[in-house]
C-alpha atoms as a PDB file:
ATOM      1  CA  MET A   1      -0.244 -19.468 -29.690  1.00  0.00           C
ATOM      2  CA  PRO A   2      -1.770 -17.106 -27.141  1.00  0.00           C
ATOM      3  CA  ASN A   3      -4.946 -15.372 -28.142  1.00  0.00           C
ATOM      4  CA  ILE A   4      -5.254 -11.628 -28.525  1.00  0.00           C
ATOM      5  CA  VAL A   5      -6.795 -11.122 -25.068  1.00  0.00           C
ATOM      6  CA  ASN A   6      -3.880 -12.907 -23.364  1.00  0.00           C
ATOM      7  CA  LYS A   7      -1.425 -10.804 -25.363  1.00  0.00           C
ATOM      8  CA  MET A   8      -3.180  -7.639 -24.246  1.00  0.00           C
ATOM      9  CA  VAL A   9      -3.228  -8.752 -20.609  1.00  0.00           C
ATOM     10  CA  VAL A  10       0.471  -9.678 -20.757  1.00  0.00           C
ATOM     11  CA  ARG A  11       1.284  -6.289 -22.288  1.00  0.00           C
ATOM     12  CA  GLU A  12      -0.722  -4.564 -19.538  1.00  0.00           C
ATOM     13  CA  LEU A  13       0.998  -6.580 -16.781  1.00  0.00           C
ATOM     14  CA  GLU A  14       4.416  -5.882 -18.292  1.00  0.00           C
ATOM     15  CA  GLU A  15       3.657  -2.165 -18.282  1.00  0.00           C
ATOM     16  CA  GLU A  16       2.325  -2.176 -14.715  1.00  0.00           C
ATOM     17  CA  PHE A  17       5.079  -4.396 -13.278  1.00  0.00           C
ATOM     18  CA  LYS A  18       7.850  -2.580 -15.187  1.00  0.00           C
ATOM     19  CA  ASP A  19       8.680  -0.088 -12.448  1.00  0.00           C
ATOM     20  CA  ALA A  20       7.537  -2.191  -9.497  1.00  0.00           C
ATOM     21  CA  GLU A  21      10.327  -2.507  -6.920  1.00  0.00           C
ATOM     22  CA  GLY A  22       8.258  -4.741  -4.690  1.00  0.00           C
ATOM     23  CA  MET A  23       5.360  -7.162  -4.869  1.00  0.00           C
ATOM     24  CA  VAL A  24       3.462  -9.299  -2.425  1.00  0.00           C
ATOM     25  CA  LEU A  25       1.634 -12.310  -3.839  1.00  0.00           C
ATOM     26  CA  VAL A  26      -1.285 -13.610  -1.793  1.00  0.00           C
ATOM     27  CA  SER A  27      -4.074 -16.099  -2.032  1.00  0.00           C
ATOM     28  CA  PHE A  28      -7.108 -13.866  -1.924  1.00  0.00           C
ATOM     29  CA  GLY A  29      -9.950 -16.383  -1.961  1.00  0.00           C
ATOM     30  CA  GLY A  30     -12.899 -16.876   0.321  1.00  0.00           C
ATOM     31  CA  LEU A  31     -13.366 -13.196   1.090  1.00  0.00           C
ATOM     32  CA  THR A  32     -16.774 -11.627   1.033  1.00  0.00           C
ATOM     33  CA  VAL A  33     -17.295  -8.627  -1.203  1.00  0.00           C
ATOM     34  CA  GLU A  34     -17.189  -6.322   1.831  1.00  0.00           C
ATOM     35  CA  GLU A  35     -13.919  -7.831   3.104  1.00  0.00           C
ATOM     36  CA  SER A  36     -12.370  -7.655  -0.351  1.00  0.00           C
ATOM     37  CA  ASP A  37     -13.431  -4.031  -0.804  1.00  0.00           C
ATOM     38  CA  ALA A  38     -12.100  -3.131   2.650  1.00  0.00           C
ATOM     39  CA  LEU A  39      -8.683  -4.657   1.893  1.00  0.00           C
ATOM     40  CA  ARG A  40      -8.547  -3.029  -1.539  1.00  0.00           C
ATOM     41  CA  GLY A  41      -9.462   0.297   0.083  1.00  0.00           C
ATOM     42  CA  GLN A  42      -6.663  -0.031   2.636  1.00  0.00           C
ATOM     43  CA  LEU A  43      -4.217  -0.811  -0.164  1.00  0.00           C
ATOM     44  CA  ALA A  44      -5.434   2.157  -2.216  1.00  0.00           C
ATOM     45  CA  GLU A  45      -5.007   4.510   0.774  1.00  0.00           C
ATOM     46  CA  LYS A  46      -1.303   3.610   0.828  1.00  0.00           C
ATOM     47  CA  ASN A  47      -0.996   4.015  -2.990  1.00  0.00           C
ATOM     48  CA  ILE A  48      -0.513   0.285  -3.480  1.00  0.00           C
ATOM     49  CA  SER A  49      -1.749  -1.208  -6.727  1.00  0.00           C
ATOM     50  CA  PHE A  50      -3.551  -4.520  -6.471  1.00  0.00           C
ATOM     51  CA  LYS A  51      -4.552  -6.900  -9.205  1.00  0.00           C
ATOM     52  CA  MET A  52      -5.847 -10.439  -9.450  1.00  0.00           C
ATOM     53  CA  VAL A  53      -3.760 -12.232 -12.082  1.00  0.00           C
ATOM     54  CA  ARG A  54      -3.893 -15.398 -14.096  1.00  0.00           C
ATOM     55  CA  ASN A  55      -0.987 -17.519 -12.914  1.00  0.00           C
ATOM     56  CA  SER A  56       0.258 -18.524 -16.361  1.00  0.00           C
ATOM     57  CA  LEU A  57       0.345 -14.902 -17.513  1.00  0.00           C
ATOM     58  CA  ALA A  58       1.951 -13.670 -14.283  1.00  0.00           C
ATOM     59  CA  ARG A  59       4.551 -16.445 -14.548  1.00  0.00           C
ATOM     60  CA  ARG A  60       5.352 -15.315 -18.108  1.00  0.00           C
ATOM     61  CA  VAL A  61       5.659 -11.627 -17.159  1.00  0.00           C
ATOM     62  CA  LEU A  62       7.765 -12.327 -14.067  1.00  0.00           C
ATOM     63  CA  ALA A  63      10.025 -14.696 -16.033  1.00  0.00           C
ATOM     64  CA  GLU A  64      10.727 -11.848 -18.458  1.00  0.00           C
ATOM     65  CA  LYS A  65      11.925  -9.856 -15.420  1.00  0.00           C
ATOM     66  CA  ASN A  66      14.182 -12.841 -14.522  1.00  0.00           C
ATOM     67  CA  LEU A  67      12.049 -13.684 -11.480  1.00  0.00           C
ATOM     68  CA  THR A  68      11.274 -17.294 -10.789  1.00  0.00           C
ATOM     69  CA  PHE A  69      10.005 -18.717  -7.534  1.00  0.00           C
ATOM     70  CA  LEU A  70      11.614 -21.798  -6.026  1.00  0.00           C
ATOM     71  CA  ASP A  71       8.283 -22.966  -4.668  1.00  0.00           C
ATOM     72  CA  LYS A  72       6.270 -23.976  -7.729  1.00  0.00           C
ATOM     73  CA  SER A  73       3.002 -23.582  -5.799  1.00  0.00           C
ATOM     74  CA  THR A  74       3.554 -19.812  -5.539  1.00  0.00           C
ATOM     75  CA  LEU A  75       1.684 -19.222  -8.771  1.00  0.00           C
ATOM     76  CA  LYS A  76      -1.062 -21.798  -8.338  1.00  0.00           C
ATOM     77  CA  GLY A  77      -4.641 -21.200  -7.271  1.00  0.00           C
ATOM     78  CA  ASN A  78      -6.044 -17.694  -7.167  1.00  0.00           C
ATOM     79  CA  THR A  79      -3.327 -15.084  -6.915  1.00  0.00           C
ATOM     80  CA  GLY A  80      -3.528 -11.436  -6.028  1.00  0.00           C
ATOM     81  CA  VAL A  81      -0.517  -9.172  -6.511  1.00  0.00           C
ATOM     82  CA  ALA A  82      -0.009  -5.987  -4.518  1.00  0.00           C
ATOM     83  CA  TYR A  83       2.801  -3.979  -6.100  1.00  0.00           C
ATOM     84  CA  GLY A  84       4.556  -0.646  -6.181  1.00  0.00           C
ATOM     85  CA  ASP A  85       7.798   0.702  -4.788  1.00  0.00           C
ATOM     86  CA  ALA A  86       9.667  -1.130  -2.020  1.00  0.00           C
ATOM     87  CA  GLU A  87       7.765   0.734   0.678  1.00  0.00           C
ATOM     88  CA  ALA A  88       4.474  -0.219  -0.978  1.00  0.00           C
ATOM     89  CA  ALA A  89       5.422  -3.892  -0.724  1.00  0.00           C
ATOM     90  CA  ILE A  90       6.197  -3.469   2.978  1.00  0.00           C
ATOM     91  CA  ASN A  91       2.920  -1.633   3.575  1.00  0.00           C
ATOM     92  CA  ALA A  92       0.995  -4.296   1.633  1.00  0.00           C
ATOM     93  CA  ALA A  93       2.554  -7.011   3.787  1.00  0.00           C
ATOM     94  CA  LYS A  94       1.534  -5.056   6.898  1.00  0.00           C
ATOM     95  CA  ILE A  95      -2.062  -4.800   5.652  1.00  0.00           C
ATOM     96  CA  PHE A  96      -2.257  -8.505   4.773  1.00  0.00           C
ATOM     97  CA  ASP A  97      -0.653  -9.440   8.105  1.00  0.00           C
ATOM     98  CA  ASP A  98      -3.013  -7.234  10.114  1.00  0.00           C
ATOM     99  CA  LYS A  99      -4.558  -8.900  13.154  1.00  0.00           C
ATOM    100  CA  ALA A 100      -8.113  -8.787  11.775  1.00  0.00           C
ATOM    101  CA  VAL A 101      -7.057 -10.202   8.408  1.00  0.00           C
ATOM    102  CA  ARG A 102      -5.048 -12.988  10.063  1.00  0.00           C
ATOM    103  CA  LYS A 103      -8.016 -13.808  12.283  1.00  0.00           C
ATOM    104  CA  ALA A 104     -10.280 -14.232   9.254  1.00  0.00           C
ATOM    105  CA  GLY A 105      -7.675 -16.599   7.788  1.00  0.00           C
ATOM    106  CA  LYS A 106      -8.749 -15.968   4.226  1.00  0.00           C
ATOM    107  CA  VAL A 107      -5.596 -14.268   2.960  1.00  0.00           C
ATOM    108  CA  THR A 108      -2.366 -16.248   2.861  1.00  0.00           C
ATOM    109  CA  PHE A 109       1.050 -15.172   1.683  1.00  0.00           C
ATOM    110  CA  LYS A 110       2.336 -17.002  -1.384  1.00  0.00           C
ATOM    111  CA  GLY A 111       5.534 -15.099  -2.147  1.00  0.00           C
ATOM    112  CA  GLY A 112       6.903 -11.730  -3.041  1.00  0.00           C
ATOM    113  CA  VAL A 113       9.492  -9.670  -4.815  1.00  0.00           C
ATOM    114  CA  LEU A 114      11.655  -6.989  -3.271  1.00  0.00           C
ATOM    115  CA  GLU A 115      14.152  -5.004  -5.319  1.00  0.00           C
ATOM    116  CA  GLY A 116      14.558  -7.727  -7.932  1.00  0.00           C
ATOM    117  CA  ASN A 117      14.754 -10.685  -5.530  1.00  0.00           C
ATOM    118  CA  ALA A 118      12.076 -13.358  -5.379  1.00  0.00           C
ATOM    119  CA  LEU A 119      10.839 -14.097  -1.859  1.00  0.00           C
ATOM    120  CA  ASP A 120       9.161 -17.186  -0.497  1.00  0.00           C
ATOM    121  CA  ALA A 121       5.954 -16.971   1.536  1.00  0.00           C
ATOM    122  CA  GLN A 122       7.756 -16.673   4.898  1.00  0.00           C
ATOM    123  CA  SER A 123      10.034 -13.887   3.637  1.00  0.00           C
ATOM    124  CA  ALA A 124       7.090 -12.026   2.120  1.00  0.00           C
ATOM    125  CA  LYS A 125       5.259 -12.257   5.440  1.00  0.00           C
ATOM    126  CA  ALA A 126       8.401 -11.056   7.254  1.00  0.00           C
ATOM    127  CA  LEU A 127       8.160  -7.780   5.295  1.00  0.00           C
ATOM    128  CA  ALA A 128       5.326  -6.879   7.665  1.00  0.00           C
ATOM    129  CA  ASP A 129       7.834  -6.706  10.527  1.00  0.00           C
ATOM    130  CA  LEU A 130       9.997  -4.096   8.787  1.00  0.00           C
ATOM    131  CA  PRO A 131       9.474  -0.516   9.916  1.00  0.00           C
ATOM    132  CA  ASP A 132       8.042   1.951   7.414  1.00  0.00           C
ATOM    133  CA  ARG A 133       9.928   5.021   6.188  1.00  0.00           C
ATOM    134  CA  ASP A 134       8.569   7.390   8.886  1.00  0.00           C
ATOM    135  CA  THR A 135       9.510   4.973  11.666  1.00  0.00           C
ATOM    136  CA  LEU A 136      12.988   4.556  10.200  1.00  0.00           C
ATOM    137  CA  HIS A 137      13.411   8.327  10.065  1.00  0.00           C
ATOM    138  CA  ALA A 138      12.360   8.619  13.717  1.00  0.00           C
ATOM    139  CA  MET A 139      14.752   5.844  14.731  1.00  0.00           C
ATOM    140  CA  LEU A 140      17.597   7.491  12.804  1.00  0.00           C
ATOM    141  CA  LEU A 141      16.818  10.850  14.387  1.00  0.00           C
ATOM    142  CA  GLY A 142      16.928   9.245  17.840  1.00  0.00           C
ATOM    143  CA  VAL A 143      20.275   7.617  17.099  1.00  0.00           C
ATOM    144  CA  ILE A 144      21.724  10.909  15.869  1.00  0.00           C
ATOM    145  CA  SER A 145      20.208  13.206  18.501  1.00  0.00           C
ATOM    146  CA  GLY A 146      20.981  10.956  21.503  1.00  0.00           C
ATOM    147  CA  PRO A 147      24.777  11.490  21.483  1.00  0.00           C
ATOM    148  CA  ALA A 148      24.322  15.142  20.511  1.00  0.00           C
ATOM    149  CA  ARG A 149      21.994  15.649  23.477  1.00  0.00           C
ATOM    150  CA  GLY A 150      24.541  13.982  25.783  1.00  0.00           C
ATOM    151  CA  LEU A 151      27.328  16.172  24.402  1.00  0.00           C
ATOM    152  CA  ALA A 152      25.241  19.315  24.919  1.00  0.00           C
ATOM    153  CA  THR A 153      24.556  18.258  28.517  1.00  0.00           C
ATOM    154  CA  VAL A 154      28.264  17.703  29.199  1.00  0.00           C
ATOM    155  CA  ILE A 155      29.265  20.993  27.580  1.00  0.00           C
ATOM    156  CA  ASN A 156      26.566  22.826  29.537  1.00  0.00           C
ATOM    157  CA  ALA A 157      27.679  21.177  32.787  1.00  0.00           C
ATOM    158  CA  VAL A 158      31.142  22.807  32.734  1.00  0.00           C
ATOM    159  CA  PRO A 159      30.001  26.465  32.906  1.00  0.00           C
ATOM    160  CA  SER A 160      27.205  25.675  35.349  1.00  0.00           C
ATOM    161  CA  GLY A 161      29.704  23.821  37.581  1.00  0.00           C
ATOM    162  CA  VAL A 162      32.040  26.815  37.495  1.00  0.00           C
ATOM    163  CA  ALA A 163      29.122  29.127  38.311  1.00  0.00           C
ATOM    164  CA  ARG A 164      28.173  26.948  41.313  1.00  0.00           C
ATOM    165  CA  VAL A 165      31.762  26.998  42.610  1.00  0.00           C
ATOM    166  CA  ILE A 166      31.940  30.796  42.263  1.00  0.00           C
ATOM    167  CA  GLN A 167      28.557  31.152  43.952  1.00  0.00           C
ATOM    168  CA  ALA A 168      29.748  28.901  46.790  1.00  0.00           C
ATOM    169  CA  HIS A 169      32.824  31.119  47.269  1.00  0.00           C
ATOM    170  CA  VAL A 170      30.653  34.244  47.230  1.00  0.00           C
ATOM    171  CA  ASP A 171      28.253  32.707  49.757  1.00  0.00           C
ATOM    172  CA  GLU A 172      31.184  31.622  51.921  1.00  0.00           C
ATOM    173  CA  GLY A 173      32.707  35.134  51.783  1.00  0.00           C
ATOM    174  CA  SER A 174      29.435  36.862  52.721  1.00  0.00           C
ATOM    175  CA  ALA A 175      28.902  34.449  55.621  1.00  0.00           C
ATOM    176  CA  GLU A 176      32.108  35.665  57.305  1.00  0.00           C
END
């Protein structure tokens, strides 16, 4: 029977993970206090919640959400969970996959969750390659405005072509 502290922690995790659309699970060991604070600060700037969890309790909470990981080592060792909406999970993956963090080699991807689907370590790391919402909006705007710009150019070309022909006739008539 779990003790009262474990029950409270499970209740807290259930409440915090309840609305989470995405999570990135990482091994967060070997970091100095300064490195850990810097990463936590970057996560906080993007409104990403981060928590170190006990694996047995996290396993219990995630199982209640019908999330199980195929790789049993996902919830072994020290585990940090960055969570929030789907965009928060993508931003967390980008922060953990940052060049400086990779170079230090102290943070490794263990798994993730995106919109109710459990991800393995490779898939969680691949979230870092997805564009964020602002980039997607810019790409969509480019896709929409490109053909519209071309259409405006073609429509504008007809009157200007007619004007050039008329001007050529006027120039030809005044030359005589």
